[in-house]
């Protein structure tokens, strides 16, 4: 299948998501749209390759099984995105215990390298908020599909209450800039949280590269694993779970007017 076929298929998924944005939506549907954003031939042109994609699929399956055993309510509130063993948890839960169980359960799965906890303790999204979130995802995916500099299957997208979360791999700093600029210029986007790593160029040494924009977003320090702290990125290093903190310079392109922020990789 050619790259043009890949883009057509991915665009079709975007349009389907956009058409569905007026339906009653919950966190699970939002996660489905996020998955669609990375579809369009999930392994085609994907930096992970078939083996990496299969590994992430296995991790997702195992986490869902663990959640079902620990607390069957978790999947109703928490959305799960995985890329190269990096697990992003988003959504709103009514009880912090559910959040803690979700994070702990994610770490139990084999092959997990990092758990990014973005779960908020809050009531579920309203109909209008959920519809807006799904429209944002569909719009962002569409913008990325039509940009020849962006390899869409390398990204997993999520949106919760106007905050866009982007997990994945960019081949160059330029590609990363394109993706973040698209996200921050979509109407109703309140914040963009960047969990993108650069595969080539600056990032070839294995270091984490990321961008910020606007110059007014202060990166939050990483800490040792703490399931009760949303926004904390917890990494497995050496013989146990540790933390890391590596960031690249701010993007040169200024954001469009407005208070939208791009939060760097945690």
Protein backbone atom coordinates (compact mmCIF):
# COMPACT_ATOMS: atom_id res chain seq x y z
CA UNK A 1 0.00 0.00 0.00
CA UNK A 2 1.47 3.37 -0.99
CA UNK A 3 1.85 6.38 1.24
CA UNK A 4 -1.05 8.08 -0.57
CA UNK A 5 -3.27 5.10 0.22
CA UNK A 6 -2.17 5.31 3.83
CA UNK A 7 -3.15 8.98 4.01
CA UNK A 8 -6.51 8.37 2.37
CA UNK A 9 -7.32 5.62 4.86
CA UNK A 10 -6.19 7.75 7.80
CA UNK A 11 -8.26 10.67 6.51
CA UNK A 12 -11.31 8.42 6.26
CA UNK A 13 -10.88 7.52 9.92
CA UNK A 14 -10.60 11.21 10.78
CA UNK A 15 -13.81 12.06 8.94
CA UNK A 16 -15.58 9.17 10.66
CA UNK A 17 -14.48 10.52 14.03
CA UNK A 18 -15.57 14.03 13.08
CA UNK A 19 -18.98 12.84 11.97
CA UNK A 20 -19.38 10.98 15.25
CA UNK A 21 -18.49 13.98 17.41
CA UNK A 22 -22.15 14.86 17.93
CA UNK A 23 -22.96 11.52 19.56
CA UNK A 24 -23.04 10.98 23.35
CA UNK A 25 -19.42 10.33 24.11
CA UNK A 26 -17.49 8.98 27.05
CA UNK A 27 -13.84 8.49 27.77
CA UNK A 28 -13.77 5.19 25.92
CA UNK A 29 -14.92 6.76 22.66
CA UNK A 30 -12.37 9.50 23.04
CA UNK A 31 -9.72 6.81 23.34
CA UNK A 32 -11.07 5.16 20.21
CA UNK A 33 -10.67 8.37 18.25
CA UNK A 34 -7.14 8.70 19.60
CA UNK A 35 -6.46 5.21 18.31
CA UNK A 36 -7.91 6.15 14.93
CA UNK A 37 -5.47 9.03 14.78
CA UNK A 38 -2.62 6.53 14.78
CA UNK A 39 -4.34 4.16 12.38
CA UNK A 40 -4.39 4.23 8.59
CA UNK A 41 -2.12 1.23 8.34
CA UNK A 42 -0.94 1.08 11.94
CA UNK A 43 2.33 -0.67 11.16
CA UNK A 44 2.88 1.01 7.79
CA UNK A 45 5.48 3.72 8.00
CA UNK A 46 5.51 3.27 11.75
CA UNK A 47 8.89 3.75 13.39
CA UNK A 48 8.17 0.86 15.76
CA UNK A 49 7.88 -1.70 12.98
CA UNK A 50 5.62 -4.74 13.17
CA UNK A 51 7.42 -6.20 16.20
CA UNK A 52 7.19 -2.98 18.19
CA UNK A 53 3.54 -2.50 17.35
CA UNK A 54 2.75 -6.08 18.38
CA UNK A 55 4.61 -5.54 21.65
CA UNK A 56 2.58 -2.42 22.44
CA UNK A 57 -0.62 -4.26 21.57
CA UNK A 58 0.37 -7.02 23.98
CA UNK A 59 1.09 -4.50 26.74
CA UNK A 60 -2.30 -2.87 26.22
CA UNK A 61 -4.06 -6.22 26.37
CA UNK A 62 -2.23 -7.17 29.56
CA UNK A 63 -2.97 -3.82 31.25
CA UNK A 64 -6.66 -4.10 30.42
CA UNK A 65 -6.70 -7.61 31.89
CA UNK A 66 -4.98 -6.38 35.05
CA UNK A 67 -7.42 -3.49 35.37
CA UNK A 68 -10.38 -5.82 34.94
CA UNK A 69 -9.06 -7.95 37.80
CA UNK A 70 -8.08 -5.08 40.12
CA UNK A 71 -11.04 -2.79 39.54
CA UNK A 72 -13.51 -3.18 36.69
CA UNK A 73 -14.36 0.54 36.87
CA UNK A 74 -10.95 1.70 35.64
CA UNK A 75 -11.57 1.32 31.87
CA UNK A 76 -14.75 3.39 32.23
CA UNK A 77 -12.73 6.39 33.37
CA UNK A 78 -9.16 5.96 32.15
CA UNK A 79 -7.93 6.06 28.55
CA UNK A 80 -4.83 4.10 27.59
CA UNK A 81 -2.30 5.01 24.89
CA UNK A 82 0.96 3.12 24.37
CA UNK A 83 3.98 3.75 22.15
CA UNK A 84 7.21 1.77 22.42
CA UNK A 85 6.43 0.63 25.94
CA UNK A 86 5.61 4.15 27.10
CA UNK A 87 2.15 4.19 28.67
CA UNK A 88 0.05 7.37 28.76
CA UNK A 89 -2.93 7.39 31.11
CA UNK A 90 -5.54 10.13 30.73
CA UNK A 91 -9.10 10.81 31.84
CA UNK A 92 -11.01 11.86 34.91
CA UNK A 93 -11.84 9.63 37.88
CA UNK A 94 -14.26 10.36 40.75
CA UNK A 95 -12.01 8.75 43.36
CA UNK A 96 -8.20 9.03 43.69
CA UNK A 97 -8.10 5.34 44.62
CA UNK A 98 -9.17 4.49 41.06
CA UNK A 99 -6.36 6.64 39.70
CA UNK A 100 -3.82 4.94 41.96
CA UNK A 101 -5.05 1.47 40.97
CA UNK A 102 -4.83 2.39 37.29
CA UNK A 103 -1.22 3.56 37.58
CA UNK A 104 -0.17 0.59 39.73
CA UNK A 105 -1.87 -1.81 37.35
CA UNK A 106 -0.11 -0.31 34.33
CA UNK A 107 3.27 -0.93 35.97
CA UNK A 108 2.41 -4.60 36.50
CA UNK A 109 2.38 -5.32 32.76
CA UNK A 110 5.55 -6.78 31.28
CA UNK A 111 7.45 -4.58 28.84
CA UNK A 112 6.32 -1.25 30.34
CA UNK A 113 9.20 1.24 30.27
CA UNK A 114 7.41 4.36 31.43
CA UNK A 115 4.03 5.32 32.88
CA UNK A 116 2.87 8.87 32.26
CA UNK A 117 0.10 9.67 34.73
CA UNK A 118 -2.20 12.40 33.43
CA UNK A 119 -5.31 11.13 35.23
CA UNK A 120 -7.26 13.88 36.97
CA UNK A 121 -9.62 13.47 39.89
CA UNK A 122 -12.78 15.00 38.44
CA UNK A 123 -16.28 14.21 37.33
CA UNK A 124 -16.89 12.87 33.84
CA UNK A 125 -16.92 15.17 30.83
CA UNK A 126 -20.18 16.73 29.72
CA UNK A 127 -21.72 15.96 26.35
CA UNK A 128 -20.52 19.24 24.84
CA UNK A 129 -16.99 18.82 26.21
CA UNK A 130 -16.67 15.26 24.94
CA UNK A 131 -17.95 16.28 21.50
CA UNK A 132 -15.48 19.16 21.37
CA UNK A 133 -12.59 16.89 22.39
CA UNK A 134 -13.38 14.43 19.62
CA UNK A 135 -13.70 17.22 17.06
CA UNK A 136 -10.25 18.47 18.11
CA UNK A 137 -8.75 15.00 17.63
CA UNK A 138 -10.34 14.59 14.23
CA UNK A 139 -9.13 18.02 13.12
CA UNK A 140 -5.59 17.40 14.36
CA UNK A 141 -5.39 14.02 12.66
CA UNK A 142 -6.65 15.53 9.41
CA UNK A 143 -4.06 18.31 9.53
CA UNK A 144 -1.28 15.81 10.13
CA UNK A 145 -2.41 13.44 7.37
CA UNK A 146 -2.19 16.17 4.72
CA UNK A 147 1.29 17.28 5.79
CA UNK A 148 4.00 15.44 3.87
CA UNK A 149 6.49 16.20 6.65
CA UNK A 150 4.48 14.27 9.23
CA UNK A 151 4.29 10.47 9.48
CA UNK A 152 0.89 10.20 11.16
CA UNK A 153 1.07 6.53 12.29
CA UNK A 154 3.97 7.47 14.57
CA UNK A 155 1.67 9.40 16.90
CA UNK A 156 -1.00 8.49 19.41
CA UNK A 157 -3.37 11.37 20.18
CA UNK A 158 -5.67 12.03 23.10
CA UNK A 159 -7.79 15.00 24.14
CA UNK A 160 -9.43 15.55 27.53
CA UNK A 161 -11.33 18.73 28.35
CA UNK A 162 -9.48 20.74 25.70
CA UNK A 163 -6.02 19.45 26.65
CA UNK A 164 -4.29 17.59 23.82
CA UNK A 165 -1.81 14.84 24.68
CA UNK A 166 0.59 13.69 21.96
CA UNK A 167 2.64 10.52 22.42
CA UNK A 168 4.99 9.12 19.79
CA UNK A 169 8.10 9.49 17.66
CA UNK A 170 9.16 12.34 15.37
CA UNK A 171 11.84 11.75 12.76
CA UNK A 172 13.11 15.34 12.94
CA UNK A 173 12.73 18.49 15.00
CA UNK A 174 10.92 20.02 12.04
CA UNK A 175 8.32 17.24 12.11
CA UNK A 176 7.84 17.70 15.86
CA UNK A 177 7.35 21.45 15.32
CA UNK A 178 4.71 20.81 12.67
CA UNK A 179 2.69 18.49 14.91
CA UNK A 180 2.77 20.84 17.90
CA UNK A 181 1.88 23.87 15.79
CA UNK A 182 -1.13 22.09 14.35
CA UNK A 183 -2.33 21.13 17.81
CA UNK A 184 -1.97 24.54 19.41
CA UNK A 185 -3.73 26.34 16.55
CA UNK A 186 -6.96 24.33 16.70
CA UNK A 187 -9.93 26.23 18.17
CA UNK A 188 -10.91 25.28 21.74
CA UNK A 189 -7.51 23.74 22.53
CA UNK A 190 -6.54 24.96 25.98
CA UNK A 191 -3.19 23.22 26.37
CA UNK A 192 -0.89 20.85 24.50
CA UNK A 193 1.14 18.27 26.41
CA UNK A 194 4.07 16.96 24.41
CA UNK A 195 5.33 13.41 24.94
CA UNK A 196 7.09 13.15 21.58
CA UNK A 197 10.62 11.82 21.20
CA UNK A 198 12.83 12.47 18.20
CA UNK A 199 14.05 9.30 16.52
CA UNK A 200 16.68 10.82 14.24
CA UNK A 201 18.90 13.91 14.18
CA UNK A 202 19.35 15.32 17.67
CA UNK A 203 17.71 12.31 19.27
CA UNK A 204 19.84 9.58 17.69
CA UNK A 205 21.93 9.22 20.82
CA UNK A 206 18.89 7.90 22.63
CA UNK A 207 18.30 11.06 24.62
CA UNK A 208 14.77 12.40 24.94
CA UNK A 209 14.16 15.44 22.77
CA UNK A 210 11.09 17.62 23.07
CA UNK A 211 9.77 21.07 22.40
CA UNK A 212 8.08 23.83 24.24
CA UNK A 213 6.48 26.90 22.80
CA UNK A 214 5.55 30.32 24.00
CA UNK A 215 8.47 30.44 26.42
CA UNK A 216 6.15 30.75 29.41
CA UNK A 217 5.61 27.10 30.27
CA UNK A 218 7.82 25.92 33.10
CA UNK A 219 8.65 22.20 32.92
CA UNK A 220 7.71 20.29 36.01
CA UNK A 221 10.45 18.31 37.69
CA UNK A 222 10.25 14.56 37.58
CA UNK A 223 10.16 12.61 40.78
CA UNK A 224 10.29 9.03 41.92
CA UNK A 225 7.12 7.05 41.10
CA UNK A 226 4.11 8.45 42.88
CA UNK A 227 0.75 7.18 41.65
CA UNK A 228 -0.97 10.11 43.33
CA UNK A 229 0.73 12.77 41.22
CA UNK A 230 -0.82 13.37 37.79
CA UNK A 231 1.60 14.72 35.23
CA UNK A 232 4.49 12.72 36.68
CA UNK A 233 6.38 10.57 34.21
CA UNK A 234 7.71 7.45 35.88
CA UNK A 235 10.49 5.52 34.18
CA UNK A 236 12.00 2.11 34.72
CA UNK A 237 15.78 2.36 34.84
CA UNK A 238 18.48 -0.09 35.85
CA UNK A 239 17.33 -2.40 38.58
CA UNK A 240 14.22 -0.48 39.50
CA UNK A 241 11.94 2.44 38.80
CA UNK A 242 13.65 5.78 38.58
CA UNK A 243 13.22 9.20 37.05
CA UNK A 244 14.84 11.21 34.33
CA UNK A 245 14.67 14.74 33.01
CA UNK A 246 15.95 15.71 29.56
CA UNK A 247 14.60 18.52 27.44
CA UNK A 248 15.54 20.30 24.23
CA UNK A 249 15.46 24.08 23.54
CA UNK A 250 12.17 25.87 22.96
CA UNK A 251 10.66 25.82 19.52
CA UNK A 252 11.47 28.89 17.49
CA UNK A 253 7.98 29.30 16.09
CA UNK A 254 5.84 31.45 18.42
CA UNK A 255 2.31 30.31 19.22
CA UNK A 256 -0.73 31.97 17.79
CA UNK A 257 -2.25 34.55 20.11
CA UNK A 258 -3.95 33.06 23.15
CA UNK A 259 -3.04 31.33 26.39
CA UNK A 260 -2.37 27.91 24.87
CA UNK A 261 0.70 26.24 26.29
CA UNK A 262 2.79 23.32 25.10
CA UNK A 263 4.00 21.29 28.05
CA UNK A 264 7.33 19.50 27.55
CA UNK A 265 7.95 15.80 27.95
CA UNK A 266 7.67 14.73 31.57
